[in-house]
Amino acid sequence: MKITLKELMPLIDGKVLTEDNDLENIEITNGYASDLLSDVMGNAKEGHLWITIMRHLNVIAVASLTGLPAVVFPKNILPDQTVILKANEENVCLINSSLSTFEIAGILYGLLHSK
């Protein structure tokens, strides 16, 4: 099963931080919540939505390398402008949410397993 980012955004109080994102065409097949880069590289799969509190440039490198279309920063965490610019270059959608990691993961799980 999969959902689009457009479907997910209002449910997680999401705000897009990057440019030129067609949320209707970004499909999410699963989620991955981790703050350890090596864990994400070894276990996240293409199409997963990554939920993390890390906000440095390596997040973009790992997302791009792993084929993750989007990264969500919970608890209103905002990355620096250099991270956002790099995400634009690598075509990785960055989102921030007022919700916690637990809440975002729960909502995503419910959506993916209710269809």
PDB file of N, CA and C in Angstrom:
ATOM      1  N   MET A   1       0.827  -1.182   0.000  1.00  0.00           N
ATOM      2  CA  MET A   1       0.000   0.000   0.000  1.00  0.00           C
ATOM      3  C   MET A   1       0.874   1.248   0.000  1.00  0.00           C
ATOM      4  N   LYS A   2       0.282   2.323  -0.459  1.00  0.00           N
ATOM      5  CA  LYS A   2       1.012   3.583  -0.465  1.00  0.00           C
ATOM      6  C   LYS A   2       0.041   4.744  -0.361  1.00  0.00           C
ATOM      7  N   ILE A   3       0.586   5.879   0.041  1.00  0.00           N
ATOM      8  CA  ILE A   3      -0.177   7.114   0.123  1.00  0.00           C
ATOM      9  C   ILE A   3       0.678   8.217  -0.492  1.00  0.00           C
ATOM     10  N   THR A   4       0.062   9.329  -0.777  1.00  0.00           N
ATOM     11  CA  THR A   4       0.826  10.470  -1.277  1.00  0.00           C
ATOM     12  C   THR A   4       1.120  11.418  -0.115  1.00  0.00           C
ATOM     13  N   LEU A   5       2.141  12.212  -0.303  1.00  0.00           N
ATOM     14  CA  LEU A   5       2.441  13.222   0.715  1.00  0.00           C
ATOM     15  C   LEU A   5       1.291  14.208   0.858  1.00  0.00           C
ATOM     16  N   LYS A   6       0.591  14.450  -0.225  1.00  0.00           N
ATOM     17  CA  LYS A   6      -0.546  15.366  -0.162  1.00  0.00           C
ATOM     18  C   LYS A   6      -1.597  14.866   0.829  1.00  0.00           C
ATOM     19  N   GLU A   7      -1.826  13.542   0.846  1.00  0.00           N
ATOM     20  CA  GLU A   7      -2.782  12.960   1.789  1.00  0.00           C
ATOM     21  C   GLU A   7      -2.299  13.075   3.233  1.00  0.00           C
ATOM     22  N   LEU A   8      -0.997  12.920   3.409  1.00  0.00           N
ATOM     23  CA  LEU A   8      -0.422  12.876   4.754  1.00  0.00           C
ATOM     24  C   LEU A   8      -0.271  14.252   5.401  1.00  0.00           C
ATOM     25  N   MET A   9       0.060  15.252   4.633  1.00  0.00           N
ATOM     26  CA  MET A   9       0.435  16.561   5.175  1.00  0.00           C
ATOM     27  C   MET A   9      -0.562  17.153   6.170  1.00  0.00           C
ATOM     28  N   PRO A  10      -1.848  17.228   5.850  1.00  0.00           N
ATOM     29  CA  PRO A  10      -2.758  17.843   6.834  1.00  0.00           C
ATOM     30  C   PRO A  10      -2.898  17.024   8.111  1.00  0.00           C
ATOM     31  N   LEU A  11      -2.704  15.736   8.008  1.00  0.00           N
ATOM     32  CA  LEU A  11      -2.875  14.861   9.167  1.00  0.00           C
ATOM     33  C   LEU A  11      -1.720  14.961  10.159  1.00  0.00           C
ATOM     34  N   ILE A  12      -0.540  15.358   9.660  1.00  0.00           N
ATOM     35  CA  ILE A  12       0.620  15.500  10.551  1.00  0.00           C
ATOM     36  C   ILE A  12       0.980  16.965  10.796  1.00  0.00           C
ATOM     37  N   ASP A  13       0.101  17.881  10.396  1.00  0.00           N
ATOM     38  CA  ASP A  13       0.375  19.308  10.531  1.00  0.00           C
ATOM     39  C   ASP A  13       1.702  19.634   9.841  1.00  0.00           C
ATOM     40  N   GLY A  14       1.873  19.086   8.638  1.00  0.00           N
ATOM     41  CA  GLY A  14       3.133  19.221   7.913  1.00  0.00           C
ATOM     42  C   GLY A  14       3.261  20.517   7.141  1.00  0.00           C
ATOM     43  N   LYS A  15       4.481  21.028   7.123  1.00  0.00           N
ATOM     44  CA  LYS A  15       4.819  22.223   6.346  1.00  0.00           C
ATOM     45  C   LYS A  15       6.027  21.895   5.482  1.00  0.00           C
ATOM     46  N   VAL A  16       5.894  22.094   4.183  1.00  0.00           N
ATOM     47  CA  VAL A  16       6.974  21.803   3.251  1.00  0.00           C
ATOM     48  C   VAL A  16       8.034  22.903   3.345  1.00  0.00           C
ATOM     49  N   LEU A  17       9.291  22.491   3.457  1.00  0.00           N
ATOM     50  CA  LEU A  17      10.402  23.426   3.580  1.00  0.00           C
ATOM     51  C   LEU A  17      11.167  23.608   2.278  1.00  0.00           C
ATOM     52  N   THR A  18      11.007  22.685   1.348  1.00  0.00           N
ATOM     53  CA  THR A  18      11.748  22.710   0.086  1.00  0.00           C
ATOM     54  C   THR A  18      10.858  23.232  -1.032  1.00  0.00           C
ATOM     55  N   GLU A  19      11.481  23.475  -2.197  1.00  0.00           N
ATOM     56  CA  GLU A  19      10.777  24.060  -3.336  1.00  0.00           C
ATOM     57  C   GLU A  19      10.367  22.993  -4.344  1.00  0.00           C
ATOM     58  N   ASP A  20       9.432  23.362  -5.210  1.00  0.00           N
ATOM     59  CA  ASP A  20       9.060  22.551  -6.368  1.00  0.00           C
ATOM     60  C   ASP A  20       8.712  21.110  -6.027  1.00  0.00           C
ATOM     61  N   ASN A  21       7.928  20.925  -5.008  1.00  0.00           N
ATOM     62  CA  ASN A  21       7.499  19.581  -4.644  1.00  0.00           C
ATOM     63  C   ASN A  21       6.055  19.373  -5.070  1.00  0.00           C
ATOM     64  N   ASP A  22       5.846  18.372  -5.903  1.00  0.00           N
ATOM     65  CA  ASP A  22       4.499  17.992  -6.299  1.00  0.00           C
ATOM     66  C   ASP A  22       4.050  16.896  -5.344  1.00  0.00           C
ATOM     67  N   LEU A  23       3.417  17.288  -4.245  1.00  0.00           N
ATOM     68  CA  LEU A  23       3.076  16.361  -3.172  1.00  0.00           C
ATOM     69  C   LEU A  23       2.153  15.235  -3.621  1.00  0.00           C
ATOM     70  N   GLU A  24       1.409  15.473  -4.676  1.00  0.00           N
ATOM     71  CA  GLU A  24       0.517  14.441  -5.184  1.00  0.00           C
ATOM     72  C   GLU A  24       1.291  13.319  -5.882  1.00  0.00           C
ATOM     73  N   ASN A  25       2.486  13.624  -6.350  1.00  0.00           N
ATOM     74  CA  ASN A  25       3.290  12.625  -7.057  1.00  0.00           C
ATOM     75  C   ASN A  25       4.398  12.021  -6.201  1.00  0.00           C
ATOM     76  N   ILE A  26       4.486  12.404  -4.938  1.00  0.00           N
ATOM     77  CA  ILE A  26       5.462  11.787  -4.031  1.00  0.00           C
ATOM     78  C   ILE A  26       4.726  10.720  -3.243  1.00  0.00           C
ATOM     79  N   GLU A  27       5.031   9.469  -3.572  1.00  0.00           N
ATOM     80  CA  GLU A  27       4.346   8.349  -2.941  1.00  0.00           C
ATOM     81  C   GLU A  27       5.186   7.765  -1.812  1.00  0.00           C
ATOM     82  N   ILE A  28       4.517   7.464  -0.725  1.00  0.00           N
ATOM     83  CA  ILE A  28       5.147   6.885   0.462  1.00  0.00           C
ATOM     84  C   ILE A  28       4.627   5.461   0.619  1.00  0.00           C
ATOM     85  N   THR A  29       5.558   4.509   0.711  1.00  0.00           N
ATOM     86  CA  THR A  29       5.182   3.098   0.837  1.00  0.00           C
ATOM     87  C   THR A  29       5.321   2.569   2.263  1.00  0.00           C
ATOM     88  N   ASN A  30       6.068   3.302   3.087  1.00  0.00           N
ATOM     89  CA  ASN A  30       6.285   2.890   4.462  1.00  0.00           C
ATOM     90  C   ASN A  30       6.995   4.037   5.177  1.00  0.00           C
ATOM     91  N   GLY A  31       7.311   3.851   6.418  1.00  0.00           N
ATOM     92  CA  GLY A  31       8.020   4.872   7.164  1.00  0.00           C
ATOM     93  C   GLY A  31       9.207   4.285   7.886  1.00  0.00           C
ATOM     94  N   TYR A  32      10.142   5.175   8.248  1.00  0.00           N
ATOM     95  CA  TYR A  32      11.301   4.761   9.024  1.00  0.00           C
ATOM     96  C   TYR A  32      11.644   5.882   9.988  1.00  0.00           C
ATOM     97  N   ALA A  33      11.706   5.568  11.273  1.00  0.00           N
ATOM     98  CA  ALA A  33      12.033   6.555  12.299  1.00  0.00           C
ATOM     99  C   ALA A  33      13.342   6.149  12.950  1.00  0.00           C
ATOM    100  N   SER A  34      14.363   6.969  12.747  1.00  0.00           N
ATOM    101  CA  SER A  34      15.671   6.684  13.333  1.00  0.00           C
ATOM    102  C   SER A  34      16.511   7.946  13.317  1.00  0.00           C
ATOM    103  N   ASP A  35      17.408   8.020  14.292  1.00  0.00           N
ATOM    104  CA  ASP A  35      18.336   9.143  14.366  1.00  0.00           C
ATOM    105  C   ASP A  35      19.779   8.662  14.237  1.00  0.00           C
ATOM    106  N   LEU A  36      19.946   7.498  13.662  1.00  0.00           N
ATOM    107  CA  LEU A  36      21.272   6.928  13.443  1.00  0.00           C
ATOM    108  C   LEU A  36      21.455   6.709  11.937  1.00  0.00           C
ATOM    109  N   LEU A  37      22.366   7.462  11.337  1.00  0.00           N
ATOM    110  CA  LEU A  37      22.538   7.426   9.888  1.00  0.00           C
ATOM    111  C   LEU A  37      22.813   6.023   9.362  1.00  0.00           C
ATOM    112  N   SER A  38      23.686   5.274  10.021  1.00  0.00           N
ATOM    113  CA  SER A  38      24.021   3.930   9.539  1.00  0.00           C
ATOM    114  C   SER A  38      22.808   3.001   9.606  1.00  0.00           C
ATOM    115  N   ASP A  39      21.945   3.197  10.581  1.00  0.00           N
ATOM    116  CA  ASP A  39      20.722   2.407  10.680  1.00  0.00           C
ATOM    117  C   ASP A  39      19.811   2.682   9.495  1.00  0.00           C
ATOM    118  N   VAL A  40      19.653   3.944   9.155  1.00  0.00           N
ATOM    119  CA  VAL A  40      18.799   4.330   8.027  1.00  0.00           C
ATOM    120  C   VAL A  40      19.384   3.790   6.725  1.00  0.00           C
ATOM    121  N   MET A  41      20.690   3.936   6.539  1.00  0.00           N
ATOM    122  CA  MET A  41      21.316   3.434   5.313  1.00  0.00           C
ATOM    123  C   MET A  41      21.161   1.929   5.176  1.00  0.00           C
ATOM    124  N   GLY A  42      21.192   1.216   6.269  1.00  0.00           N
ATOM    125  CA  GLY A  42      21.115  -0.235   6.221  1.00  0.00           C
ATOM    126  C   GLY A  42      19.716  -0.807   6.191  1.00  0.00           C
ATOM    127  N   ASN A  43      18.722  -0.021   6.598  1.00  0.00           N
ATOM    128  CA  ASN A  43      17.393  -0.599   6.756  1.00  0.00           C
ATOM    129  C   ASN A  43      16.246   0.126   6.066  1.00  0.00           C
ATOM    130  N   ALA A  44      16.342   1.409   5.865  1.00  0.00           N
ATOM    131  CA  ALA A  44      15.271   2.131   5.177  1.00  0.00           C
ATOM    132  C   ALA A  44      15.302   1.748   3.695  1.00  0.00           C
ATOM    133  N   LYS A  45      14.144   1.758   3.088  1.00  0.00           N
ATOM    134  CA  LYS A  45      14.011   1.366   1.683  1.00  0.00           C
ATOM    135  C   LYS A  45      13.480   2.520   0.853  1.00  0.00           C
ATOM    136  N   GLU A  46      13.739   2.434  -0.427  1.00  0.00           N
ATOM    137  CA  GLU A  46      13.228   3.428  -1.361  1.00  0.00           C
ATOM    138  C   GLU A  46      11.718   3.575  -1.166  1.00  0.00           C
ATOM    139  N   GLY A  47      11.256   4.803  -1.118  1.00  0.00           N
ATOM    140  CA  GLY A  47       9.837   5.078  -0.934  1.00  0.00           C
ATOM    141  C   GLY A  47       9.408   5.279   0.509  1.00  0.00           C
ATOM    142  N   HIS A  48      10.316   5.038   1.460  1.00  0.00           N
ATOM    143  CA  HIS A  48       9.976   5.242   2.870  1.00  0.00           C
ATOM    144  C   HIS A  48      10.035   6.730   3.220  1.00  0.00           C
ATOM    145  N   LEU A  49       9.222   7.124   4.157  1.00  0.00           N
ATOM    146  CA  LEU A  49       9.265   8.465   4.735  1.00  0.00           C
ATOM    147  C   LEU A  49      10.142   8.379   5.979  1.00  0.00           C
ATOM    148  N   TRP A  50      11.181   9.184   6.037  1.00  0.00           N
ATOM    149  CA  TRP A  50      12.116   9.158   7.162  1.00  0.00           C
ATOM    150  C   TRP A  50      11.722  10.225   8.168  1.00  0.00           C
ATOM    151  N   ILE A  51      11.551   9.825   9.410  1.00  0.00           N
ATOM    152  CA  ILE A  51      11.246  10.745  10.503  1.00  0.00           C
ATOM    153  C   ILE A  51      12.489  10.822  11.385  1.00  0.00           C
ATOM    154  N   THR A  52      13.043  12.021  11.546  1.00  0.00           N
ATOM    155  CA  THR A  52      14.276  12.178  12.310  1.00  0.00           C
ATOM    156  C   THR A  52      14.373  13.565  12.939  1.00  0.00           C
ATOM    157  N   ILE A  53      15.100  13.634  14.045  1.00  0.00           N
ATOM    158  CA  ILE A  53      15.388  14.936  14.652  1.00  0.00           C
ATOM    159  C   ILE A  53      16.732  15.485  14.177  1.00  0.00           C
ATOM    160  N   MET A  54      17.496  14.673  13.431  1.00  0.00           N
ATOM    161  CA  MET A  54      18.774  15.155  12.904  1.00  0.00           C
ATOM    162  C   MET A  54      18.503  16.165  11.797  1.00  0.00           C
ATOM    163  N   ARG A  55      19.306  17.212  11.760  1.00  0.00           N
ATOM    164  CA  ARG A  55      19.024  18.260  10.773  1.00  0.00           C
ATOM    165  C   ARG A  55      20.274  18.785  10.089  1.00  0.00           C
ATOM    166  N   HIS A  56      21.248  17.929   9.888  1.00  0.00           N
ATOM    167  CA  HIS A  56      22.485  18.354   9.238  1.00  0.00           C
ATOM    168  C   HIS A  56      22.558  17.823   7.805  1.00  0.00           C
ATOM    169  N   LEU A  57      23.564  18.231   7.062  1.00  0.00           N
ATOM    170  CA  LEU A  57      23.688  17.882   5.646  1.00  0.00           C
ATOM    171  C   LEU A  57      23.735  16.382   5.388  1.00  0.00           C
ATOM    172  N   ASN A  58      24.260  15.609   6.319  1.00  0.00           N
ATOM    173  CA  ASN A  58      24.336  14.169   6.095  1.00  0.00           C
ATOM    174  C   ASN A  58      22.959  13.527   5.964  1.00  0.00           C
ATOM    175  N   VAL A  59      21.945  14.139   6.515  1.00  0.00           N
ATOM    176  CA  VAL A  59      20.580  13.634   6.371  1.00  0.00           C
ATOM    177  C   VAL A  59      20.201  13.614   4.892  1.00  0.00           C
ATOM    178  N   ILE A  60      20.541  14.654   4.179  1.00  0.00           N
ATOM    179  CA  ILE A  60      20.208  14.736   2.758  1.00  0.00           C
ATOM    180  C   ILE A  60      20.992  13.696   1.968  1.00  0.00           C
ATOM    181  N   ALA A  61      22.265  13.523   2.300  1.00  0.00           N
ATOM    182  CA  ALA A  61      23.080  12.525   1.617  1.00  0.00           C
ATOM    183  C   ALA A  61      22.496  11.125   1.802  1.00  0.00           C
ATOM    184  N   VAL A  62      22.109  10.791   3.020  1.00  0.00           N
ATOM    185  CA  VAL A  62      21.556   9.464   3.301  1.00  0.00           C
ATOM    186  C   VAL A  62      20.195   9.295   2.610  1.00  0.00           C
ATOM    187  N   ALA A  63      19.354  10.299   2.667  1.00  0.00           N
ATOM    188  CA  ALA A  63      18.044  10.209   2.013  1.00  0.00           C
ATOM    189  C   ALA A  63      18.204  10.007   0.511  1.00  0.00           C
ATOM    190  N   SER A  64      19.099  10.750  -0.091  1.00  0.00           N
ATOM    191  CA  SER A  64      19.342  10.634  -1.525  1.00  0.00           C
ATOM    192  C   SER A  64      19.916   9.273  -1.887  1.00  0.00           C
ATOM    193  N   LEU A  65      20.889   8.833  -1.138  1.00  0.00           N
ATOM    194  CA  LEU A  65      21.537   7.541  -1.379  1.00  0.00           C
ATOM    195  C   LEU A  65      20.558   6.377  -1.231  1.00  0.00           C
ATOM    196  N   THR A  66      19.660   6.489  -0.284  1.00  0.00           N
ATOM    197  CA  THR A  66      18.734   5.406   0.040  1.00  0.00           C
ATOM    198  C   THR A  66      17.457   5.453  -0.799  1.00  0.00           C
ATOM    199  N   GLY A  67      17.213   6.559  -1.489  1.00  0.00           N
ATOM    200  CA  GLY A  67      15.998   6.675  -2.298  1.00  0.00           C
ATOM    201  C   GLY A  67      14.779   7.079  -1.502  1.00  0.00           C
ATOM    202  N   LEU A  68      15.013   7.802  -0.409  1.00  0.00           N
ATOM    203  CA  LEU A  68      13.904   8.274   0.416  1.00  0.00           C
ATOM    204  C   LEU A  68      13.390   9.586  -0.173  1.00  0.00           C
ATOM    205  N   PRO A  69      12.120   9.649  -0.537  1.00  0.00           N
ATOM    206  CA  PRO A  69      11.611  10.854  -1.199  1.00  0.00           C
ATOM    207  C   PRO A  69      11.399  12.041  -0.278  1.00  0.00           C
ATOM    208  N   ALA A  70      11.280  11.765   1.036  1.00  0.00           N
ATOM    209  CA  ALA A  70      10.972  12.861   1.957  1.00  0.00           C
ATOM    210  C   ALA A  70      11.480  12.561   3.361  1.00  0.00           C
ATOM    211  N   VAL A  71      11.785  13.648   4.065  1.00  0.00           N
ATOM    212  CA  VAL A  71      12.225  13.575   5.454  1.00  0.00           C
ATOM    213  C   VAL A  71      11.322  14.504   6.265  1.00  0.00           C
ATOM    214  N   VAL A  72      10.845  13.995   7.401  1.00  0.00           N
ATOM    215  CA  VAL A  72      10.012  14.810   8.292  1.00  0.00           C
ATOM    216  C   VAL A  72      10.792  15.077   9.569  1.00  0.00           C
ATOM    217  N   PHE A  73      10.823  16.342   9.953  1.00  0.00           N
ATOM    218  CA  PHE A  73      11.418  16.769  11.212  1.00  0.00           C
ATOM    219  C   PHE A  73      10.284  17.022  12.200  1.00  0.00           C
ATOM    220  N   PRO A  74      10.186  16.239  13.263  1.00  0.00           N
ATOM    221  CA  PRO A  74       9.105  16.418  14.235  1.00  0.00           C
ATOM    222  C   PRO A  74       9.372  17.603  15.168  1.00  0.00           C
ATOM    223  N   LYS A  75       8.406  17.887  16.033  1.00  0.00           N
ATOM    224  CA  LYS A  75       8.532  18.871  17.109  1.00  0.00           C
ATOM    225  C   LYS A  75       9.002  20.245  16.626  1.00  0.00           C
ATOM    226  N   ASN A  76       8.545  20.633  15.439  1.00  0.00           N
ATOM    227  CA  ASN A  76       8.885  21.941  14.848  1.00  0.00           C
ATOM    228  C   ASN A  76      10.386  22.159  14.657  1.00  0.00           C
ATOM    229  N   ILE A  77      11.138  21.091  14.504  1.00  0.00           N
ATOM    230  CA  ILE A  77      12.574  21.204  14.242  1.00  0.00           C
ATOM    231  C   ILE A  77      12.771  21.732  12.826  1.00  0.00           C
ATOM    232  N   LEU A  78      13.666  22.698  12.690  1.00  0.00           N
ATOM    233  CA  LEU A  78      13.979  23.279  11.384  1.00  0.00           C
ATOM    234  C   LEU A  78      15.460  23.111  11.080  1.00  0.00           C
ATOM    235  N   PRO A  79      15.786  22.627   9.885  1.00  0.00           N
ATOM    236  CA  PRO A  79      17.187  22.547   9.485  1.00  0.00           C
ATOM    237  C   PRO A  79      17.683  23.919   9.032  1.00  0.00           C
ATOM    238  N   ASP A  80      19.003  24.053   8.927  1.00  0.00           N
ATOM    239  CA  ASP A  80      19.593  25.284   8.397  1.00  0.00           C
ATOM    240  C   ASP A  80      19.253  25.438   6.916  1.00  0.00           C
ATOM    241  N   GLN A  81      19.386  26.651   6.436  1.00  0.00           N
ATOM    242  CA  GLN A  81      19.099  26.947   5.026  1.00  0.00           C
ATOM    243  C   GLN A  81      20.006  26.144   4.083  1.00  0.00           C
ATOM    244  N   THR A  82      21.245  25.872   4.481  1.00  0.00           N
ATOM    245  CA  THR A  82      22.153  25.084   3.620  1.00  0.00           C
ATOM    246  C   THR A  82      21.617  23.663   3.431  1.00  0.00           C
ATOM    247  N   VAL A  83      20.999  23.121   4.437  1.00  0.00           N
ATOM    248  CA  VAL A  83      20.405  21.777   4.342  1.00  0.00           C
ATOM    249  C   VAL A  83      19.215  21.812   3.387  1.00  0.00           C
ATOM    250  N   ILE A  84      18.399  22.831   3.495  1.00  0.00           N
ATOM    251  CA  ILE A  84      17.243  22.969   2.606  1.00  0.00           C
ATOM    252  C   ILE A  84      17.697  23.141   1.160  1.00  0.00           C
ATOM    253  N   LEU A  85      18.713  23.945   0.936  1.00  0.00           N
ATOM    254  CA  LEU A  85      19.226  24.133  -0.428  1.00  0.00           C
ATOM    255  C   LEU A  85      19.761  22.832  -1.010  1.00  0.00           C
ATOM    256  N   LYS A  86      20.466  22.056  -0.204  1.00  0.00           N
ATOM    257  CA  LYS A  86      20.995  20.768  -0.666  1.00  0.00           C
ATOM    258  C   LYS A  86      19.855  19.800  -0.956  1.00  0.00           C
ATOM    259  N   ALA A  87      18.822  19.812  -0.140  1.00  0.00           N
ATOM    260  CA  ALA A  87      17.654  18.962  -0.380  1.00  0.00           C
ATOM    261  C   ALA A  87      16.986  19.323  -1.706  1.00  0.00           C
ATOM    262  N   ASN A  88      16.907  20.615  -2.007  1.00  0.00           N
ATOM    263  CA  ASN A  88      16.364  21.041  -3.300  1.00  0.00           C
ATOM    264  C   ASN A  88      17.196  20.471  -4.443  1.00  0.00           C
ATOM    265  N   GLU A  89      18.517  20.529  -4.323  1.00  0.00           N
ATOM    266  CA  GLU A  89      19.415  19.999  -5.358  1.00  0.00           C
ATOM    267  C   GLU A  89      19.238  18.498  -5.545  1.00  0.00           C
ATOM    268  N   GLU A  90      19.027  17.787  -4.443  1.00  0.00           N
ATOM    269  CA  GLU A  90      18.946  16.320  -4.480  1.00  0.00           C
ATOM    270  C   GLU A  90      17.507  15.810  -4.655  1.00  0.00           C
ATOM    271  N   ASN A  91      16.554  16.733  -4.778  1.00  0.00           N
ATOM    272  CA  ASN A  91      15.143  16.378  -4.959  1.00  0.00           C
ATOM    273  C   ASN A  91      14.600  15.553  -3.784  1.00  0.00           C
ATOM    274  N   VAL A  92      14.961  15.971  -2.580  1.00  0.00           N
ATOM    275  CA  VAL A  92      14.442  15.361  -1.358  1.00  0.00           C
ATOM    276  C   VAL A  92      13.507  16.384  -0.712  1.00  0.00           C
ATOM    277  N   CYS A  93      12.266  15.994  -0.509  1.00  0.00           N
ATOM    278  CA  CYS A  93      11.289  16.889   0.102  1.00  0.00           C
ATOM    279  C   CYS A  93      11.507  16.921   1.612  1.00  0.00           C
ATOM    280  N   LEU A  94      11.645  18.114   2.167  1.00  0.00           N
ATOM    281  CA  LEU A  94      11.788  18.285   3.611  1.00  0.00           C
ATOM    282  C   LEU A  94      10.502  18.875   4.179  1.00  0.00           C
ATOM    283  N   ILE A  95      10.082  18.313   5.297  1.00  0.00           N
ATOM    284  CA  ILE A  95       8.835  18.704   5.938  1.00  0.00           C
ATOM    285  C   ILE A  95       9.108  18.881   7.428  1.00  0.00           C
ATOM    286  N   ASN A  96       8.448  19.840   8.027  1.00  0.00           N
ATOM    287  CA  ASN A  96       8.487  19.864   9.491  1.00  0.00           C
ATOM    288  C   ASN A  96       7.059  19.764  10.003  1.00  0.00           C
ATOM    289  N   SER A  97       6.949  19.267  11.217  1.00  0.00           N
ATOM    290  CA  SER A  97       5.650  19.014  11.831  1.00  0.00           C
ATOM    291  C   SER A  97       5.717  19.395  13.299  1.00  0.00           C
ATOM    292  N   SER A  98       4.602  19.828  13.818  1.00  0.00           N
ATOM    293  CA  SER A  98       4.522  20.142  15.247  1.00  0.00           C
ATOM    294  C   SER A  98       4.380  18.871  16.088  1.00  0.00           C
ATOM    295  N   LEU A  99       4.059  17.756  15.444  1.00  0.00           N
ATOM    296  CA  LEU A  99       3.831  16.500  16.162  1.00  0.00           C
ATOM    297  C   LEU A  99       5.141  15.822  16.544  1.00  0.00           C
ATOM    298  N   SER A 100       5.050  14.886  17.467  1.00  0.00           N
ATOM    299  CA  SER A 100       6.218  14.108  17.877  1.00  0.00           C
ATOM    300  C   SER A 100       6.480  12.985  16.875  1.00  0.00           C
ATOM    301  N   THR A 101       7.660  12.388  16.965  1.00  0.00           N
ATOM    302  CA  THR A 101       7.997  11.240  16.128  1.00  0.00           C
ATOM    303  C   THR A 101       6.965  10.137  16.305  1.00  0.00           C
ATOM    304  N   PHE A 102       6.609   9.854  17.544  1.00  0.00           N
ATOM    305  CA  PHE A 102       5.641   8.807  17.855  1.00  0.00           C
ATOM    306  C   PHE A 102       4.301   9.073  17.169  1.00  0.00           C
ATOM    307  N   GLU A 103       3.817  10.311  17.260  1.00  0.00           N
ATOM    308  CA  GLU A 103       2.534  10.653  16.659  1.00  0.00           C
ATOM    309  C   GLU A 103       2.573  10.542  15.137  1.00  0.00           C
ATOM    310  N   ILE A 104       3.639  11.054  14.521  1.00  0.00           N
ATOM    311  CA  ILE A 104       3.767  10.984  13.057  1.00  0.00           C
ATOM    312  C   ILE A 104       3.820   9.535  12.594  1.00  0.00           C
ATOM    313  N   ALA A 105       4.635   8.723  13.265  1.00  0.00           N
ATOM    314  CA  ALA A 105       4.755   7.317  12.901  1.00  0.00           C
ATOM    315  C   ALA A 105       3.414   6.594  13.053  1.00  0.00           C
ATOM    316  N   GLY A 106       2.692   6.894  14.111  1.00  0.00           N
ATOM    317  CA  GLY A 106       1.391   6.259  14.333  1.00  0.00           C
ATOM    318  C   GLY A 106       0.383   6.614  13.253  1.00  0.00           C
ATOM    319  N   ILE A 107       0.342   7.876  12.877  1.00  0.00           N
ATOM    320  CA  ILE A 107      -0.574   8.324  11.825  1.00  0.00           C
ATOM    321  C   ILE A 107      -0.222   7.658  10.504  1.00  0.00           C
ATOM    322  N   LEU A 108       1.059   7.645  10.181  1.00  0.00           N
ATOM    323  CA  LEU A 108       1.510   7.031   8.927  1.00  0.00           C
ATOM    324  C   LEU A 108       1.181   5.538   8.912  1.00  0.00           C
ATOM    325  N   TYR A 109       1.444   4.862  10.002  1.00  0.00           N
ATOM    326  CA  TYR A 109       1.141   3.431  10.101  1.00  0.00           C
ATOM    327  C   TYR A 109      -0.357   3.187   9.898  1.00  0.00           C
ATOM    328  N   GLY A 110      -1.171   3.977  10.561  1.00  0.00           N
ATOM    329  CA  GLY A 110      -2.615   3.828  10.417  1.00  0.00           C
ATOM    330  C   GLY A 110      -3.095   4.025   9.002  1.00  0.00           C
ATOM    331  N   LEU A 111      -2.561   5.008   8.317  1.00  0.00           N
ATOM    332  CA  LEU A 111      -2.957   5.270   6.934  1.00  0.00           C
ATOM    333  C   LEU A 111      -2.539   4.125   6.002  1.00  0.00           C
ATOM    334  N   LEU A 112      -1.322   3.657   6.179  1.00  0.00           N
ATOM    335  CA  LEU A 112      -0.801   2.621   5.275  1.00  0.00           C
ATOM    336  C   LEU A 112      -1.450   1.264   5.509  1.00  0.00           C
ATOM    337  N   HIS A 113      -1.975   1.034   6.686  1.00  0.00           N
ATOM    338  CA  HIS A 113      -2.543  -0.270   6.982  1.00  0.00           C
ATOM    339  C   HIS A 113      -4.061  -0.261   7.040  1.00  0.00           C
ATOM    340  N   SER A 114      -4.683   0.877   6.694  1.00  0.00           N
ATOM    341  CA  SER A 114      -6.142   0.941   6.687  1.00  0.00           C
ATOM    342  C   SER A 114      -6.709   0.844   5.281  1.00  0.00           C
ATOM    343  N   LYS A 115      -5.853   0.966   4.283  1.00  0.00           N
ATOM    344  CA  LYS A 115      -6.328   0.940   2.889  1.00  0.00           C
ATOM    345  C   LYS A 115      -6.505  -0.468   2.395  1.00  0.00           C
TER     346      LYS A 115
END
